Amino acid sequence: MLRKILLASILILLITGTGFAFQNEPDGFRGLKWGDAPTEDMKFLGETTEYIIGNYPEPTITNTKTNCYYKRNEKNNIGSAELYNIFYNFNLYSNQFYKVMCVFYNKNNYNILGIIFREEFGEPTYTDKGKNKYSLQWTGDKTEVQLYYNPKDNKGWIGFKSMKIHPEKIEDNKQKELEKAKEDF
């Protein structure tokens, strides 16, 4: 009996695969693939600080910096949902594209985006509807998509993030920081 259960489990894993995915999982955003360098139509906004919060094996907060860009003349909508702005994040040292953040206002835009994303990506892998937030999330092998809205602030954001390319930690690039500072003394 135990062998049959084990065999059935192995067959299920082989048939369905061991990874996670959701339908139409993107590998970037609007033609820019994860790992790409900034394109010529992008304007550099500057370095931004990002805090990465980890929970395992113990709570940690890591400070990192990224290169932030926006695209000139980019359409600021998805369907009829209006986006306030779109920011593209690249690693500080390797300049690899790993995340995009889109900001929007009002619940109508959140509702429209929720309809579009559910149709495009299927049902979310995670949902959270609290008093002061609505959150939908799709997590796959290549990409994590988040749709977030705070009714108190009447503001929300969309995040598309690579699951394979992560922000570079400043501590991991000591030599590059030393080289940058060489002429500063």
Protein backbone atom coordinates (compact mmCIF):
# COMPACT_ATOMS: atom_id res chain seq x y z
CA MET A 1 0.00 0.00 0.00
CA LEU A 2 2.81 2.41 0.92
CA ARG A 3 4.55 1.64 -2.40
CA LYS A 4 1.37 2.47 -4.35
CA ILE A 5 1.04 5.82 -2.58
CA LEU A 6 4.71 6.61 -3.18
CA LEU A 7 4.44 5.59 -6.85
CA ALA A 8 1.27 7.67 -7.31
CA SER A 9 3.00 10.68 -5.72
CA ILE A 10 6.00 10.34 -8.01
CA LEU A 11 3.77 10.04 -11.07
CA ILE A 12 1.83 13.16 -10.09
CA LEU A 13 5.08 15.11 -9.69
CA LEU A 14 6.38 13.89 -13.05
CA ILE A 15 3.15 14.74 -14.84
CA THR A 16 2.55 18.15 -13.26
CA GLY A 17 6.19 19.16 -12.82
CA THR A 18 7.89 20.18 -9.61
CA GLY A 19 7.89 23.94 -10.23
CA PHE A 20 5.20 26.51 -9.76
CA ALA A 21 3.72 28.49 -12.60
CA PHE A 22 0.60 30.40 -13.47
CA GLN A 23 -0.98 30.81 -16.88
CA ASN A 24 0.71 33.27 -19.24
CA GLU A 25 3.53 33.82 -16.75
CA PRO A 26 5.58 36.74 -18.12
CA ASP A 27 9.38 36.77 -18.26
CA GLY A 28 9.66 40.54 -18.01
CA PHE A 29 7.46 43.56 -18.71
CA ARG A 30 6.49 45.26 -21.98
CA GLY A 31 9.20 43.66 -24.08
CA LEU A 32 11.99 44.03 -21.54
CA LYS A 33 13.15 40.61 -20.31
CA TRP A 34 14.51 39.83 -16.85
CA GLY A 35 18.27 40.38 -16.94
CA ASP A 36 18.22 42.90 -19.81
CA ALA A 37 20.12 46.18 -19.58
CA PRO A 38 18.27 49.52 -19.77
CA THR A 39 17.19 50.52 -23.28
CA GLU A 40 18.00 53.77 -25.07
CA ASP A 41 14.48 55.14 -24.55
CA MET A 42 14.87 54.95 -20.76
CA LYS A 43 15.82 57.88 -18.54
CA PHE A 44 17.94 57.25 -15.46
CA LEU A 45 16.23 58.65 -12.35
CA GLY A 46 18.97 57.75 -9.89
CA GLU A 47 19.90 55.19 -7.28
CA THR A 48 17.12 54.17 -4.93
CA THR A 49 17.30 52.37 -1.62
CA GLU A 50 15.37 49.15 -1.23
CA TYR A 51 14.82 47.15 1.91
CA ILE A 52 14.49 43.40 1.58
CA ILE A 53 12.66 41.75 4.46
CA GLY A 54 13.41 38.09 5.10
CA ASN A 55 11.76 35.80 7.60
CA TYR A 56 13.73 32.57 7.39
CA PRO A 57 15.56 31.26 9.34
CA GLU A 58 15.24 34.46 11.38
CA PRO A 59 13.84 37.93 10.63
CA THR A 60 16.30 40.11 8.69
CA ILE A 61 16.22 43.45 6.90
CA THR A 62 18.80 43.95 4.16
CA ASN A 63 19.54 47.36 2.72
CA THR A 64 20.38 47.46 -0.99
CA LYS A 65 20.48 50.03 -3.77
CA THR A 66 19.09 49.81 -7.28
CA ASN A 67 19.22 51.86 -10.47
CA CYS A 68 15.78 53.31 -11.21
CA TYR A 69 14.59 54.26 -14.73
CA TYR A 70 11.43 55.25 -16.53
CA LYS A 71 10.58 55.08 -20.25
CA ARG A 72 9.91 58.24 -22.17
CA ASN A 73 6.57 58.34 -24.01
CA GLU A 74 5.33 55.11 -22.42
CA LYS A 75 1.59 54.54 -22.34
CA ASN A 76 0.49 54.79 -18.73
CA ASN A 77 -2.36 52.33 -18.77
CA ILE A 78 -3.21 48.66 -18.78
CA GLY A 79 -6.52 48.35 -20.60
CA SER A 80 -8.63 51.24 -19.35
CA ALA A 81 -6.89 51.27 -15.93
CA GLU A 82 -4.81 54.43 -15.62
CA LEU A 83 -1.31 54.20 -14.18
CA TYR A 84 0.26 57.22 -12.53
CA ASN A 85 3.85 56.15 -13.23
CA ILE A 86 6.00 53.13 -14.09
CA PHE A 87 9.46 52.60 -12.59
CA TYR A 88 11.94 50.02 -13.85
CA ASN A 89 14.53 48.71 -11.37
CA PHE A 90 17.95 47.35 -12.33
CA ASN A 91 20.71 45.93 -10.14
CA LEU A 92 23.19 48.56 -9.01
CA TYR A 93 26.32 46.79 -10.20
CA SER A 94 25.33 44.43 -13.03
CA ASN A 95 22.49 46.70 -14.27
CA GLN A 96 20.19 43.71 -14.84
CA PHE A 97 16.44 44.33 -15.03
CA TYR A 98 14.68 42.55 -12.15
CA LYS A 99 11.57 44.53 -11.15
CA VAL A 100 8.99 47.03 -12.36
CA MET A 101 6.61 49.01 -10.16
CA CYS A 102 3.49 50.80 -11.41
CA VAL A 103 1.54 53.21 -9.22
CA PHE A 104 -2.18 53.93 -9.66
CA TYR A 105 -4.95 55.75 -7.82
CA ASN A 106 -8.58 54.86 -6.96
CA LYS A 107 -10.46 51.63 -6.45
CA ASN A 108 -11.91 51.59 -9.97
CA ASN A 109 -8.41 51.12 -11.38
CA TYR A 110 -7.77 48.33 -8.86
CA ASN A 111 -11.01 46.58 -9.87
CA ILE A 112 -10.21 46.88 -13.60
CA LEU A 113 -6.67 45.56 -13.04
CA GLY A 114 -8.05 42.68 -10.94
CA ILE A 115 -10.35 41.66 -13.80
CA ILE A 116 -7.56 41.92 -16.38
CA PHE A 117 -4.99 40.07 -14.26
CA ARG A 118 -7.38 37.23 -13.36
CA GLU A 119 -8.19 36.76 -17.04
CA GLU A 120 -4.52 36.94 -18.06
CA PHE A 121 -2.88 35.01 -15.21
CA GLY A 122 -5.71 32.90 -13.77
CA GLU A 123 -6.71 32.82 -10.12
CA PRO A 124 -4.13 34.34 -7.74
CA THR A 125 -1.84 32.07 -5.75
CA TYR A 126 -2.38 34.37 -2.75
CA THR A 127 -5.11 36.86 -1.79
CA ASP A 128 -5.49 39.15 1.21
CA LYS A 129 -8.42 41.46 1.85
CA GLY A 130 -7.91 43.31 5.08
CA LYS A 131 -9.35 46.49 6.52
CA ASN A 132 -6.80 48.77 4.87
CA LYS A 133 -5.52 46.71 1.97
CA TYR A 134 -6.47 44.49 -0.92
CA SER A 135 -3.75 42.28 -2.31
CA LEU A 136 -3.58 39.69 -5.09
CA GLN A 137 -0.42 37.77 -5.92
CA TRP A 138 0.63 35.31 -8.60
CA THR A 139 3.92 33.46 -7.96
CA GLY A 140 5.60 31.36 -10.61
CA ASP A 141 9.00 29.98 -11.58
CA LYS A 142 10.09 33.14 -13.43
CA THR A 143 7.94 35.95 -12.10
CA GLU A 144 5.97 37.19 -9.14
CA VAL A 145 3.09 39.56 -9.92
CA GLN A 146 1.49 41.62 -7.16
CA LEU A 147 -1.56 43.87 -7.29
CA TYR A 148 -2.01 45.95 -4.14
CA TYR A 149 -4.49 48.65 -3.15
CA ASN A 150 -4.89 50.68 0.05
CA PRO A 151 -8.43 52.15 0.27
CA LYS A 152 -7.42 54.55 3.06
CA ASP A 153 -4.85 56.23 0.80
CA ASN A 154 -6.86 55.56 -2.37
CA LYS A 155 -3.56 54.39 -3.89
CA GLY A 156 -2.18 51.12 -5.18
CA TRP A 157 0.66 49.55 -7.08
CA ILE A 158 1.49 46.70 -9.39
CA GLY A 159 4.78 44.86 -9.06
CA PHE A 160 6.35 42.46 -11.54
CA LYS A 161 9.49 40.88 -10.07
CA SER A 162 11.95 38.29 -11.34
CA MET A 163 12.14 35.14 -9.23
CA LYS A 164 15.67 34.38 -10.46
CA ILE A 165 17.41 37.78 -10.47
CA HIS A 166 17.53 39.41 -7.05
CA PRO A 167 18.74 42.81 -5.87
CA GLU A 168 22.48 42.86 -5.33
CA LYS A 169 23.55 43.50 -1.77
CA ILE A 170 26.07 46.23 -1.17
CA GLU A 171 28.00 43.94 1.21
CA ASP A 172 28.49 41.42 -1.61
CA ASN A 173 30.16 44.05 -3.80
CA LYS A 174 32.78 45.50 -1.45
CA GLN A 175 35.49 45.58 -4.14
CA LYS A 176 33.31 47.60 -6.52
CA GLU A 177 32.50 50.08 -3.75
CA LEU A 178 36.21 50.43 -2.91
CA GLU A 179 37.02 51.06 -6.57
CA LYS A 180 34.31 53.73 -6.81
CA ALA A 181 35.75 55.51 -3.74
CA LYS A 182 39.43 55.31 -4.77
CA GLU A 183 39.57 58.84 -6.20
CA ASP A 184 37.47 60.40 -3.44
CA PHE A 185 40.31 60.95 -0.95
